[in-house]
PDB file of N, CA and C in Angstrom:
ATOM      1  N   MET A   1       0.843  -1.167   0.000  1.00  0.00           N
ATOM      2  CA  MET A   1       0.000   0.000   0.000  1.00  0.00           C
ATOM      3  C   MET A   1       0.895   1.240   0.000  1.00  0.00           C
ATOM      4  N   LYS A   2       0.577   2.187  -0.809  1.00  0.00           N
ATOM      5  CA  LYS A   2       1.383   3.382  -0.914  1.00  0.00           C
ATOM      6  C   LYS A   2       1.199   4.250   0.320  1.00  0.00           C
ATOM      7  N   LYS A   3       2.273   4.860   0.762  1.00  0.00           N
ATOM      8  CA  LYS A   3       2.240   5.679   1.976  1.00  0.00           C
ATOM      9  C   LYS A   3       1.404   6.942   1.796  1.00  0.00           C
ATOM     10  N   GLY A   4       1.325   7.490   0.591  1.00  0.00           N
ATOM     11  CA  GLY A   4       0.597   8.731   0.354  1.00  0.00           C
ATOM     12  C   GLY A   4      -0.907   8.555   0.324  1.00  0.00           C
ATOM     13  N   ILE A   5      -1.392   7.336   0.125  1.00  0.00           N
ATOM     14  CA  ILE A   5      -2.826   7.099   0.009  1.00  0.00           C
ATOM     15  C   ILE A   5      -3.507   7.140   1.369  1.00  0.00           C
ATOM     16  N   GLN A   6      -2.914   6.531   2.384  1.00  0.00           N
ATOM     17  CA  GLN A   6      -3.566   6.419   3.688  1.00  0.00           C
ATOM     18  C   GLN A   6      -3.840   7.786   4.333  1.00  0.00           C
ATOM     19  N   PRO A   7      -2.889   8.709   4.423  1.00  0.00           N
ATOM     20  CA  PRO A   7      -3.216  10.012   5.014  1.00  0.00           C
ATOM     21  C   PRO A   7      -4.308  10.745   4.223  1.00  0.00           C
ATOM     22  N   TYR A   8      -4.274  10.595   2.916  1.00  0.00           N
ATOM     23  CA  TYR A   8      -5.291  11.221   2.080  1.00  0.00           C
ATOM     24  C   TYR A   8      -6.672  10.637   2.384  1.00  0.00           C
ATOM     25  N   ALA A   9      -6.744   9.321   2.524  1.00  0.00           N
ATOM     26  CA  ALA A   9      -8.016   8.657   2.825  1.00  0.00           C
ATOM     27  C   ALA A   9      -8.521   9.043   4.206  1.00  0.00           C
ATOM     28  N   ILE A  10      -7.611   9.172   5.175  1.00  0.00           N
ATOM     29  CA  ILE A  10      -8.012   9.575   6.520  1.00  0.00           C
ATOM     30  C   ILE A  10      -8.567  10.993   6.504  1.00  0.00           C
ATOM     31  N   CYS A  11      -7.925  11.878   5.761  1.00  0.00           N
ATOM     32  CA  CYS A  11      -8.420  13.257   5.650  1.00  0.00           C
ATOM     33  C   CYS A  11      -9.812  13.288   5.035  1.00  0.00           C
ATOM     34  N   ILE A  12     -10.034  12.478   4.017  1.00  0.00           N
ATOM     35  CA  ILE A  12     -11.355  12.427   3.390  1.00  0.00           C
ATOM     36  C   ILE A  12     -12.395  11.926   4.382  1.00  0.00           C
ATOM     37  N   ALA A  13     -12.050  10.888   5.128  1.00  0.00           N
ATOM     38  CA  ALA A  13     -12.998  10.340   6.107  1.00  0.00           C
ATOM     39  C   ALA A  13     -13.313  11.357   7.191  1.00  0.00           C
ATOM     40  N   LEU A  14     -12.299  12.067   7.672  1.00  0.00           N
ATOM     41  CA  LEU A  14     -12.540  13.066   8.712  1.00  0.00           C
ATOM     42  C   LEU A  14     -13.348  14.237   8.174  1.00  0.00           C
ATOM     43  N   ALA A  15     -13.107  14.638   6.934  1.00  0.00           N
ATOM     44  CA  ALA A  15     -13.899  15.714   6.342  1.00  0.00           C
ATOM     45  C   ALA A  15     -15.347  15.287   6.176  1.00  0.00           C
ATOM     46  N   ALA A  16     -15.558  14.022   5.860  1.00  0.00           N
ATOM     47  CA  ALA A  16     -16.928  13.528   5.710  1.00  0.00           C
ATOM     48  C   ALA A  16     -17.648  13.481   7.045  1.00  0.00           C
ATOM     49  N   MET A  17     -16.884  13.466   8.143  1.00  0.00           N
ATOM     50  CA  MET A  17     -17.505  13.383   9.459  1.00  0.00           C
ATOM     51  C   MET A  17     -17.981  14.727   9.976  1.00  0.00           C
ATOM     52  N   LEU A  18     -17.602  15.809   9.335  1.00  0.00           N
ATOM     53  CA  LEU A  18     -18.034  17.106   9.827  1.00  0.00           C
ATOM     54  C   LEU A  18     -19.552  17.149   9.864  1.00  0.00           C
ATOM     55  N   PRO A  19     -20.112  17.334  11.033  1.00  0.00           N
ATOM     56  CA  PRO A  19     -21.570  17.306  11.149  1.00  0.00           C
ATOM     57  C   PRO A  19     -22.214  18.502  10.467  1.00  0.00           C
ATOM     58  N   LEU A  20     -23.330  18.243   9.848  1.00  0.00           N
ATOM     59  CA  LEU A  20     -24.065  19.287   9.147  1.00  0.00           C
ATOM     60  C   LEU A  20     -25.201  19.841   9.993  1.00  0.00           C
ATOM     61  N   GLY A  21     -25.302  19.443  11.206  1.00  0.00           N
ATOM     62  CA  GLY A  21     -26.361  19.911  12.089  1.00  0.00           C
ATOM     63  C   GLY A  21     -26.592  18.892  13.178  1.00  0.00           C
ATOM     64  N   ASN A  22     -27.598  19.114  13.954  1.00  0.00           N
ATOM     65  CA  ASN A  22     -27.884  18.214  15.062  1.00  0.00           C
ATOM     66  C   ASN A  22     -28.662  16.989  14.648  1.00  0.00           C
ATOM     67  N   VAL A  23     -28.868  16.803  13.353  1.00  0.00           N
ATOM     68  CA  VAL A  23     -29.645  15.663  12.891  1.00  0.00           C
ATOM     69  C   VAL A  23     -29.004  14.336  13.295  1.00  0.00           C
ATOM     70  N   PHE A  24     -27.661  14.291  13.382  1.00  0.00           N
ATOM     71  CA  PHE A  24     -26.989  13.047  13.729  1.00  0.00           C
ATOM     72  C   PHE A  24     -27.060  12.756  15.226  1.00  0.00           C
ATOM     73  N   ALA A  25     -27.362  13.761  16.027  1.00  0.00           N
ATOM     74  CA  ALA A  25     -27.426  13.563  17.469  1.00  0.00           C
ATOM     75  C   ALA A  25     -28.744  12.949  17.900  1.00  0.00           C
ATOM     76  N   GLN A  26     -29.708  12.955  17.022  1.00  0.00           N
ATOM     77  CA  GLN A  26     -31.003  12.405  17.382  1.00  0.00           C
ATOM     78  C   GLN A  26     -30.899  10.899  17.505  1.00  0.00           C
ATOM     79  N   ASN A  27     -31.600  10.376  18.487  1.00  0.00           N
ATOM     80  CA  ASN A  27     -31.576   8.945  18.713  1.00  0.00           C
ATOM     81  C   ASN A  27     -32.424   8.250  17.665  1.00  0.00           C
ATOM     82  N   GLN A  28     -31.830   7.294  16.954  1.00  0.00           N
ATOM     83  CA  GLN A  28     -32.561   6.561  15.939  1.00  0.00           C
ATOM     84  C   GLN A  28     -33.074   5.268  16.545  1.00  0.00           C
ATOM     85  N   ALA A  29     -34.104   4.714  15.937  1.00  0.00           N
ATOM     86  CA  ALA A  29     -34.736   3.501  16.459  1.00  0.00           C
ATOM     87  C   ALA A  29     -33.711   2.381  16.615  1.00  0.00           C
ATOM     88  N   GLY A  30     -33.720   1.759  17.775  1.00  0.00           N
ATOM     89  CA  GLY A  30     -32.848   0.621  18.009  1.00  0.00           C
ATOM     90  C   GLY A  30     -31.428   0.966  18.396  1.00  0.00           C
ATOM     91  N   GLN A  31     -31.089   2.237  18.524  1.00  0.00           N
ATOM     92  CA  GLN A  31     -29.733   2.595  18.887  1.00  0.00           C
ATOM     93  C   GLN A  31     -29.717   3.185  20.290  1.00  0.00           C
ATOM     94  N   LYS A  32     -28.619   2.977  20.984  1.00  0.00           N
ATOM     95  CA  LYS A  32     -28.529   3.458  22.348  1.00  0.00           C
ATOM     96  C   LYS A  32     -28.449   4.975  22.371  1.00  0.00           C
ATOM     97  N   SER A  33     -28.977   5.550  23.420  1.00  0.00           N
ATOM     98  CA  SER A  33     -28.992   6.995  23.582  1.00  0.00           C
ATOM     99  C   SER A  33     -27.570   7.520  23.713  1.00  0.00           C
ATOM    100  N   LEU A  34     -27.309   8.660  23.109  1.00  0.00           N
ATOM    101  CA  LEU A  34     -25.982   9.251  23.135  1.00  0.00           C
ATOM    102  C   LEU A  34     -25.972  10.506  24.008  1.00  0.00           C
ATOM    103  N   THR A  35     -26.570  10.437  25.175  1.00  0.00           N
ATOM    104  CA  THR A  35     -26.660  11.626  26.003  1.00  0.00           C
ATOM    105  C   THR A  35     -25.306  12.056  26.542  1.00  0.00           C
ATOM    106  N   VAL A  36     -24.438  11.107  26.872  1.00  0.00           N
ATOM    107  CA  VAL A  36     -23.117  11.442  27.380  1.00  0.00           C
ATOM    108  C   VAL A  36     -22.096  10.595  26.630  1.00  0.00           C
ATOM    109  N   VAL A  37     -21.167  11.259  26.000  1.00  0.00           N
ATOM    110  CA  VAL A  37     -20.084  10.576  25.292  1.00  0.00           C
ATOM    111  C   VAL A  37     -18.785  11.208  25.764  1.00  0.00           C
ATOM    112  N   SER A  38     -17.882  10.389  26.244  1.00  0.00           N
ATOM    113  CA  SER A  38     -16.605  10.918  26.716  1.00  0.00           C
ATOM    114  C   SER A  38     -15.666  11.163  25.538  1.00  0.00           C
ATOM    115  N   LEU A  39     -14.723  12.036  25.771  1.00  0.00           N
ATOM    116  CA  LEU A  39     -13.705  12.277  24.748  1.00  0.00           C
ATOM    117  C   LEU A  39     -12.876  11.023  24.517  1.00  0.00           C
ATOM    118  N   ALA A  40     -12.701  10.227  25.557  1.00  0.00           N
ATOM    119  CA  ALA A  40     -11.945   8.977  25.418  1.00  0.00           C
ATOM    120  C   ALA A  40     -12.674   8.021  24.476  1.00  0.00           C
ATOM    121  N   GLU A  41     -14.005   7.954  24.594  1.00  0.00           N
ATOM    122  CA  GLU A  41     -14.786   7.087  23.705  1.00  0.00           C
ATOM    123  C   GLU A  41     -14.711   7.599  22.267  1.00  0.00           C
ATOM    124  N   LEU A  42     -14.800   8.918  22.091  1.00  0.00           N
ATOM    125  CA  LEU A  42     -14.686   9.498  20.749  1.00  0.00           C
ATOM    126  C   LEU A  42     -13.314   9.177  20.154  1.00  0.00           C
ATOM    127  N   LYS A  43     -12.267   9.321  20.957  1.00  0.00           N
ATOM    128  CA  LYS A  43     -10.914   9.004  20.490  1.00  0.00           C
ATOM    129  C   LYS A  43     -10.800   7.525  20.135  1.00  0.00           C
ATOM    130  N   SER A  44     -11.407   6.677  20.941  1.00  0.00           N
ATOM    131  CA  SER A  44     -11.384   5.235  20.677  1.00  0.00           C
ATOM    132  C   SER A  44     -12.068   4.916  19.347  1.00  0.00           C
ATOM    133  N   GLN A  45     -13.184   5.547  19.091  1.00  0.00           N
ATOM    134  CA  GLN A  45     -13.905   5.321  17.834  1.00  0.00           C
ATOM    135  C   GLN A  45     -13.110   5.847  16.641  1.00  0.00           C
ATOM    136  N   LEU A  46     -12.410   6.965  16.820  1.00  0.00           N
ATOM    137  CA  LEU A  46     -11.570   7.499  15.741  1.00  0.00           C
ATOM    138  C   LEU A  46     -10.394   6.565  15.455  1.00  0.00           C
ATOM    139  N   THR A  47      -9.824   5.991  16.506  1.00  0.00           N
ATOM    140  CA  THR A  47      -8.741   5.022  16.331  1.00  0.00           C
ATOM    141  C   THR A  47      -9.248   3.798  15.581  1.00  0.00           C
ATOM    142  N   SER A  48     -10.445   3.352  15.949  1.00  0.00           N
ATOM    143  CA  SER A  48     -11.063   2.219  15.256  1.00  0.00           C
ATOM    144  C   SER A  48     -11.293   2.551  13.784  1.00  0.00           C
ATOM    145  N   LEU A  49     -11.747   3.776  13.534  1.00  0.00           N
ATOM    146  CA  LEU A  49     -11.969   4.215  12.148  1.00  0.00           C
ATOM    147  C   LEU A  49     -10.668   4.175  11.353  1.00  0.00           C
ATOM    148  N   GLN A  50      -9.590   4.604  11.974  1.00  0.00           N
ATOM    149  CA  GLN A  50      -8.297   4.595  11.288  1.00  0.00           C
ATOM    150  C   GLN A  50      -7.915   3.174  10.877  1.00  0.00           C
ATOM    151  N   GLY A  51      -8.142   2.211  11.762  1.00  0.00           N
ATOM    152  CA  GLY A  51      -7.865   0.815  11.437  1.00  0.00           C
ATOM    153  C   GLY A  51      -8.768   0.308  10.330  1.00  0.00           C
ATOM    154  N   MET A  52     -10.040   0.731  10.377  1.00  0.00           N
ATOM    155  CA  MET A  52     -10.985   0.322   9.334  1.00  0.00           C
ATOM    156  C   MET A  52     -10.596   0.902   7.976  1.00  0.00           C
ATOM    157  N   ILE A  53     -10.100   2.126   7.977  1.00  0.00           N
ATOM    158  CA  ILE A  53      -9.648   2.750   6.724  1.00  0.00           C
ATOM    159  C   ILE A  53      -8.492   1.950   6.142  1.00  0.00           C
ATOM    160  N   ALA A  54      -7.542   1.572   6.991  1.00  0.00           N
ATOM    161  CA  ALA A  54      -6.399   0.784   6.521  1.00  0.00           C
ATOM    162  C   ALA A  54      -6.874  -0.554   5.951  1.00  0.00           C
ATOM    163  N   GLY A  55      -7.821  -1.202   6.627  1.00  0.00           N
ATOM    164  CA  GLY A  55      -8.356  -2.470   6.131  1.00  0.00           C
ATOM    165  C   GLY A  55      -9.096  -2.316   4.820  1.00  0.00           C
ATOM    166  N   THR A  56      -9.834  -1.213   4.693  1.00  0.00           N
ATOM    167  CA  THR A  56     -10.576  -0.953   3.454  1.00  0.00           C
ATOM    168  C   THR A  56      -9.619  -0.677   2.299  1.00  0.00           C
ATOM    169  N   LEU A  57      -8.553   0.058   2.578  1.00  0.00           N
ATOM    170  CA  LEU A  57      -7.549   0.302   1.534  1.00  0.00           C
ATOM    171  C   LEU A  57      -6.875  -0.998   1.112  1.00  0.00           C
ATOM    172  N   GLY A  58      -6.633  -1.888   2.076  1.00  0.00           N
ATOM    173  CA  GLY A  58      -6.068  -3.199   1.753  1.00  0.00           C
ATOM    174  C   GLY A  58      -7.015  -4.006   0.882  1.00  0.00           C
ATOM    175  N   ALA A  59      -8.312  -3.946   1.190  1.00  0.00           N
ATOM    176  CA  ALA A  59      -9.316  -4.652   0.389  1.00  0.00           C
ATOM    177  C   ALA A  59      -9.368  -4.080  -1.025  1.00  0.00           C
ATOM    178  N   LEU A  60      -9.217  -2.766  -1.127  1.00  0.00           N
ATOM    179  CA  LEU A  60      -9.204  -2.130  -2.446  1.00  0.00           C
ATOM    180  C   LEU A  60      -7.984  -2.584  -3.251  1.00  0.00           C
ATOM    181  N   GLU A  61      -6.854  -2.717  -2.584  1.00  0.00           N
ATOM    182  CA  GLU A  61      -5.652  -3.207  -3.257  1.00  0.00           C
ATOM    183  C   GLU A  61      -5.858  -4.648  -3.749  1.00  0.00           C
ATOM    184  N   ARG A  62      -6.581  -5.465  -2.956  1.00  0.00           N
ATOM    185  CA  ARG A  62      -6.860  -6.840  -3.374  1.00  0.00           C
ATOM    186  C   ARG A  62      -7.785  -6.866  -4.592  1.00  0.00           C
ATOM    187  N   VAL A  63      -8.740  -5.933  -4.645  1.00  0.00           N
ATOM    188  CA  VAL A  63      -9.607  -5.836  -5.830  1.00  0.00           C
ATOM    189  C   VAL A  63      -8.751  -5.501  -7.047  1.00  0.00           C
ATOM    190  N   LYS A  64      -7.867  -4.561  -6.860  1.00  0.00           N
ATOM    191  CA  LYS A  64      -6.991  -4.134  -7.947  1.00  0.00           C
ATOM    192  C   LYS A  64      -6.095  -5.276  -8.425  1.00  0.00           C
ATOM    193  N   SER A  65      -5.540  -6.030  -7.493  1.00  0.00           N
ATOM    194  CA  SER A  65      -4.618  -7.100  -7.882  1.00  0.00           C
ATOM    195  C   SER A  65      -5.362  -8.335  -8.414  1.00  0.00           C
ATOM    196  N   ALA A  66      -6.659  -8.475  -8.101  1.00  0.00           N
ATOM    197  CA  ALA A  66      -7.427  -9.614  -8.605  1.00  0.00           C
ATOM    198  C   ALA A  66      -7.535  -9.561 -10.123  1.00  0.00           C
ATOM    199  N   GLY A  67      -7.466  -8.357 -10.643  1.00  0.00           N
ATOM    200  CA  GLY A  67      -7.446  -8.183 -12.093  1.00  0.00           C
ATOM    201  C   GLY A  67      -8.624  -8.796 -12.806  1.00  0.00           C
ATOM    202  N   ARG A  68      -8.337  -9.682 -13.699  1.00  0.00           N
ATOM    203  CA  ARG A  68      -9.386 -10.243 -14.562  1.00  0.00           C
ATOM    204  C   ARG A  68      -9.857 -11.622 -14.143  1.00  0.00           C
ATOM    205  N   ASP A  69      -9.354 -12.121 -13.035  1.00  0.00           N
ATOM    206  CA  ASP A  69      -9.792 -13.419 -12.521  1.00  0.00           C
ATOM    207  C   ASP A  69     -11.156 -13.224 -11.863  1.00  0.00           C
ATOM    208  N   ASP A  70     -12.222 -13.686 -12.542  1.00  0.00           N
ATOM    209  CA  ASP A  70     -13.587 -13.411 -12.098  1.00  0.00           C
ATOM    210  C   ASP A  70     -13.878 -13.916 -10.689  1.00  0.00           C
ATOM    211  N   SER A  71     -13.428 -15.107 -10.346  1.00  0.00           N
ATOM    212  CA  SER A  71     -13.726 -15.639  -9.012  1.00  0.00           C
ATOM    213  C   SER A  71     -13.013 -14.835  -7.924  1.00  0.00           C
ATOM    214  N   ALA A  72     -11.741 -14.517  -8.162  1.00  0.00           N
ATOM    215  CA  ALA A  72     -10.984 -13.727  -7.186  1.00  0.00           C
ATOM    216  C   ALA A  72     -11.521 -12.302  -7.120  1.00  0.00           C
ATOM    217  N   LEU A  73     -11.917 -11.770  -8.269  1.00  0.00           N
ATOM    218  CA  LEU A  73     -12.440 -10.412  -8.310  1.00  0.00           C
ATOM    219  C   LEU A  73     -13.763 -10.310  -7.564  1.00  0.00           C
ATOM    220  N   GLY A  74     -14.618 -11.319  -7.740  1.00  0.00           N
ATOM    221  CA  GLY A  74     -15.905 -11.319  -7.044  1.00  0.00           C
ATOM    222  C   GLY A  74     -15.738 -11.352  -5.541  1.00  0.00           C
ATOM    223  N   LYS A  75     -14.835 -12.202  -5.059  1.00  0.00           N
ATOM    224  CA  LYS A  75     -14.593 -12.310  -3.625  1.00  0.00           C
ATOM    225  C   LYS A  75     -13.979 -11.023  -3.083  1.00  0.00           C
ATOM    226  N   ALA A  76     -13.002 -10.486  -3.804  1.00  0.00           N
ATOM    227  CA  ALA A  76     -12.332  -9.264  -3.357  1.00  0.00           C
ATOM    228  C   ALA A  76     -13.282  -8.067  -3.360  1.00  0.00           C
ATOM    229  N   SER A  77     -14.113  -7.972  -4.382  1.00  0.00           N
ATOM    230  CA  SER A  77     -15.039  -6.830  -4.438  1.00  0.00           C
ATOM    231  C   SER A  77     -16.129  -6.958  -3.378  1.00  0.00           C
ATOM    232  N   SER A  78     -16.543  -8.181  -3.078  1.00  0.00           N
ATOM    233  CA  SER A  78     -17.524  -8.395  -2.014  1.00  0.00           C
ATOM    234  C   SER A  78     -16.946  -7.982  -0.666  1.00  0.00           C
ATOM    235  N   ASP A  79     -15.694  -8.371  -0.409  1.00  0.00           N
ATOM    236  CA  ASP A  79     -15.014  -7.977   0.823  1.00  0.00           C
ATOM    237  C   ASP A  79     -14.897  -6.455   0.908  1.00  0.00           C
ATOM    238  N   PHE A  80     -14.510  -5.835  -0.198  1.00  0.00           N
ATOM    239  CA  PHE A  80     -14.369  -4.377  -0.228  1.00  0.00           C
ATOM    240  C   PHE A  80     -15.703  -3.688   0.042  1.00  0.00           C
ATOM    241  N   ALA A  81     -16.769  -4.168  -0.589  1.00  0.00           N
ATOM    242  CA  ALA A  81     -18.093  -3.569  -0.385  1.00  0.00           C
ATOM    243  C   ALA A  81     -18.528  -3.690   1.078  1.00  0.00           C
ATOM    244  N   GLY A  82     -18.269  -4.818   1.699  1.00  0.00           N
ATOM    245  CA  GLY A  82     -18.604  -4.994   3.105  1.00  0.00           C
ATOM    246  C   GLY A  82     -17.826  -4.053   4.007  1.00  0.00           C
ATOM    247  N   ARG A  83     -16.566  -3.872   3.681  1.00  0.00           N
ATOM    248  CA  ARG A  83     -15.732  -2.961   4.476  1.00  0.00           C
ATOM    249  C   ARG A  83     -16.178  -1.513   4.311  1.00  0.00           C
ATOM    250  N   VAL A  84     -16.599  -1.140   3.112  1.00  0.00           N
ATOM    251  CA  VAL A  84     -17.088   0.226   2.885  1.00  0.00           C
ATOM    252  C   VAL A  84     -18.369   0.466   3.688  1.00  0.00           C
ATOM    253  N   LYS A  85     -19.246  -0.545   3.733  1.00  0.00           N
ATOM    254  CA  LYS A  85     -20.468  -0.423   4.548  1.00  0.00           C
ATOM    255  C   LYS A  85     -20.112  -0.224   6.018  1.00  0.00           C
ATOM    256  N   GLY A  86     -19.163  -1.001   6.511  1.00  0.00           N
ATOM    257  CA  GLY A  86     -18.723  -0.854   7.896  1.00  0.00           C
ATOM    258  C   GLY A  86     -18.123   0.513   8.160  1.00  0.00           C
ATOM    259  N   LEU A  87     -17.372   1.009   7.189  1.00  0.00           N
ATOM    260  CA  LEU A  87     -16.768   2.333   7.286  1.00  0.00           C
ATOM    261  C   LEU A  87     -17.858   3.403   7.363  1.00  0.00           C
ATOM    262  N   ASP A  88     -18.877   3.286   6.534  1.00  0.00           N
ATOM    263  CA  ASP A  88     -19.993   4.244   6.561  1.00  0.00           C
ATOM    264  C   ASP A  88     -20.689   4.246   7.916  1.00  0.00           C
ATOM    265  N   SER A  89     -20.918   3.057   8.463  1.00  0.00           N
ATOM    266  CA  SER A  89     -21.567   2.950   9.771  1.00  0.00           C
ATOM    267  C   SER A  89     -20.713   3.598  10.861  1.00  0.00           C
ATOM    268  N   GLN A  90     -19.414   3.356  10.800  1.00  0.00           N
ATOM    269  CA  GLN A  90     -18.501   3.937  11.793  1.00  0.00           C
ATOM    270  C   GLN A  90     -18.469   5.453  11.684  1.00  0.00           C
ATOM    271  N   VAL A  91     -18.465   5.977  10.471  1.00  0.00           N
ATOM    272  CA  VAL A  91     -18.464   7.431  10.269  1.00  0.00           C
ATOM    273  C   VAL A  91     -19.750   8.033  10.834  1.00  0.00           C
ATOM    274  N   GLU A  92     -20.891   7.389  10.600  1.00  0.00           N
ATOM    275  CA  GLU A  92     -22.155   7.893  11.139  1.00  0.00           C
ATOM    276  C   GLU A  92     -22.132   7.905  12.662  1.00  0.00           C
ATOM    277  N   LEU A  93     -21.596   6.851  13.268  1.00  0.00           N
ATOM    278  CA  LEU A  93     -21.504   6.796  14.722  1.00  0.00           C
ATOM    279  C   LEU A  93     -20.626   7.927  15.248  1.00  0.00           C
ATOM    280  N   ILE A  94     -19.492   8.132  14.612  1.00  0.00           N
ATOM    281  CA  ILE A  94     -18.577   9.193  15.053  1.00  0.00           C
ATOM    282  C   ILE A  94     -19.204  10.559  14.853  1.00  0.00           C
ATOM    283  N   GLN A  95     -19.970  10.743  13.796  1.00  0.00           N
ATOM    284  CA  GLN A  95     -20.666  12.011  13.595  1.00  0.00           C
ATOM    285  C   GLN A  95     -21.621  12.280  14.756  1.00  0.00           C
ATOM    286  N   ARG A  96     -22.380  11.267  15.137  1.00  0.00           N
ATOM    287  CA  ARG A  96     -23.309  11.438  16.260  1.00  0.00           C
ATOM    288  C   ARG A  96     -22.543  11.728  17.546  1.00  0.00           C
ATOM    289  N   TYR A  97     -21.448  11.010  17.777  1.00  0.00           N
ATOM    290  CA  TYR A  97     -20.636  11.244  18.965  1.00  0.00           C
ATOM    291  C   TYR A  97     -20.081  12.671  18.960  1.00  0.00           C
ATOM    292  N   ALA A  98     -19.568  13.113  17.822  1.00  0.00           N
ATOM    293  CA  ALA A  98     -18.981  14.450  17.728  1.00  0.00           C
ATOM    294  C   ALA A  98     -20.018  15.526  18.006  1.00  0.00           C
ATOM    295  N   VAL A  99     -21.214  15.371  17.476  1.00  0.00           N
ATOM    296  CA  VAL A  99     -22.275  16.348  17.724  1.00  0.00           C
ATOM    297  C   VAL A  99     -22.627  16.367  19.207  1.00  0.00           C
ATOM    298  N   THR A 100     -22.688  15.191  19.815  1.00  0.00           N
ATOM    299  CA  THR A 100     -23.017  15.103  21.237  1.00  0.00           C
ATOM    300  C   THR A 100     -21.941  15.753  22.095  1.00  0.00           C
ATOM    301  N   VAL A 101     -20.675  15.477  21.793  1.00  0.00           N
ATOM    302  CA  VAL A 101     -19.572  16.069  22.546  1.00  0.00           C
ATOM    303  C   VAL A 101     -19.585  17.589  22.380  1.00  0.00           C
ATOM    304  N   LYS A 102     -19.804  18.060  21.172  1.00  0.00           N
ATOM    305  CA  LYS A 102     -19.845  19.504  20.917  1.00  0.00           C
ATOM    306  C   LYS A 102     -20.987  20.147  21.696  1.00  0.00           C
ATOM    307  N   SER A 103     -22.142  19.534  21.670  1.00  0.00           N
ATOM    308  CA  SER A 103     -23.309  20.069  22.376  1.00  0.00           C
ATOM    309  C   SER A 103     -23.050  20.134  23.880  1.00  0.00           C
ATOM    310  N   GLU A 104     -22.482  19.055  24.422  1.00  0.00           N
ATOM    311  CA  GLU A 104     -22.183  19.032  25.858  1.00  0.00           C
ATOM    312  C   GLU A 104     -21.132  20.070  26.234  1.00  0.00           C
ATOM    313  N   SER A 105     -20.123  20.258  25.393  1.00  0.00           N
ATOM    314  CA  SER A 105     -19.088  21.247  25.710  1.00  0.00           C
ATOM    315  C   SER A 105     -19.656  22.662  25.643  1.00  0.00           C
ATOM    316  N   GLN A 106     -20.535  22.916  24.667  1.00  0.00           N
ATOM    317  CA  GLN A 106     -21.169  24.243  24.588  1.00  0.00           C
ATOM    318  C   GLN A 106     -22.057  24.489  25.801  1.00  0.00           C
ATOM    319  N   ARG A 107     -22.780  23.456  26.237  1.00  0.00           N
ATOM    320  CA  ARG A 107     -23.637  23.586  27.417  1.00  0.00           C
ATOM    321  C   ARG A 107     -22.779  23.862  28.651  1.00  0.00           C
ATOM    322  N   SER A 108     -21.671  23.171  28.780  1.00  0.00           N
ATOM    323  CA  SER A 108     -20.776  23.387  29.922  1.00  0.00           C
ATOM    324  C   SER A 108     -20.201  24.795  29.907  1.00  0.00           C
ATOM    325  N   LEU A 109     -19.813  25.273  28.734  1.00  0.00           N
ATOM    326  CA  LEU A 109     -19.280  26.635  28.632  1.00  0.00           C
ATOM    327  C   LEU A 109     -20.329  27.677  29.011  1.00  0.00           C
ATOM    328  N   ARG A 110     -21.590  27.446  28.595  1.00  0.00           N
ATOM    329  CA  ARG A 110     -22.670  28.371  28.960  1.00  0.00           C
ATOM    330  C   ARG A 110     -22.854  28.399  30.477  1.00  0.00           C
ATOM    331  N   ILE A 111     -22.816  27.225  31.090  1.00  0.00           N
ATOM    332  CA  ILE A 111     -22.976  27.145  32.546  1.00  0.00           C
ATOM    333  C   ILE A 111     -21.835  27.880  33.244  1.00  0.00           C
ATOM    334  N   LEU A 112     -20.611  27.677  32.757  1.00  0.00           N
ATOM    335  CA  LEU A 112     -19.457  28.375  33.341  1.00  0.00           C
ATOM    336  C   LEU A 112     -19.575  29.885  33.149  1.00  0.00           C
ATOM    337  N   ALA A 113     -19.985  30.308  31.972  1.00  0.00           N
ATOM    338  CA  ALA A 113     -20.126  31.739  31.694  1.00  0.00           C
ATOM    339  C   ALA A 113     -21.204  32.357  32.577  1.00  0.00           C
ATOM    340  N   GLU A 114     -22.312  31.666  32.759  1.00  0.00           N
ATOM    341  CA  GLU A 114     -23.376  32.178  33.605  1.00  0.00           C
ATOM    342  C   GLU A 114     -22.909  32.276  35.051  1.00  0.00           C
ATOM    343  N   GLY A 115     -22.133  31.301  35.502  1.00  0.00           N
ATOM    344  CA  GLY A 115     -21.588  31.341  36.861  1.00  0.00           C
ATOM    345  C   GLY A 115     -20.638  32.495  37.055  1.00  0.00           C
ATOM    346  N   ASN A 116     -19.836  32.803  36.057  1.00  0.00           N
ATOM    347  CA  ASN A 116     -18.903  33.922  36.138  1.00  0.00           C
ATOM    348  C   ASN A 116     -19.645  35.254  36.100  1.00  0.00           C
ATOM    349  N   LEU A 117     -20.736  35.332  35.368  1.00  0.00           N
ATOM    350  CA  LEU A 117     -21.521  36.571  35.303  1.00  0.00           C
ATOM    351  C   LEU A 117     -22.172  36.874  36.645  1.00  0.00           C
ATOM    352  N   HIS A 118     -22.610  35.847  37.343  1.00  0.00           N
ATOM    353  CA  HIS A 118     -23.254  36.047  38.637  1.00  0.00           C
ATOM    354  C   HIS A 118     -22.257  36.486  39.710  1.00  0.00           C
ATOM    355  N   ARG A 119     -21.003  36.102  39.545  1.00  0.00           N
ATOM    356  CA  ARG A 119     -19.971  36.474  40.517  1.00  0.00           C
ATOM    357  C   ARG A 119     -19.482  37.914  40.316  1.00  0.00           C
ATOM    358  N   ALA A 120     -19.591  38.414  39.112  1.00  0.00           N
ATOM    359  CA  ALA A 120     -19.051  39.748  38.794  1.00  0.00           C
ATOM    360  C   ALA A 120     -19.881  40.852  39.344  1.00  0.00           C
TER     361      ALA A 120
END
């Protein structure tokens, strides 16, 4: 795997995670509530995403090297498609976590600011 591809792919994944609003913070059916998310958990999920990106790039390389062998190409492309789905799910989870962390930090800052205003 080329060294220049992985940082580029990570940048693309992180740019795709930029939340477009609070829509990702809403609890969807069947998913656990994201009322409190620690920075450690967010960091853990980002680390997991980095590993998933590396695995997906490896799967893409296998698709490329499978070439014209239909059986190998089918297996490699199926693996790649599955990894891309997993990557999408992980990005969505991190987006929700990021929105939750941002919301909680803004709420904490407001509380601190209000406390400082009352003391002045």
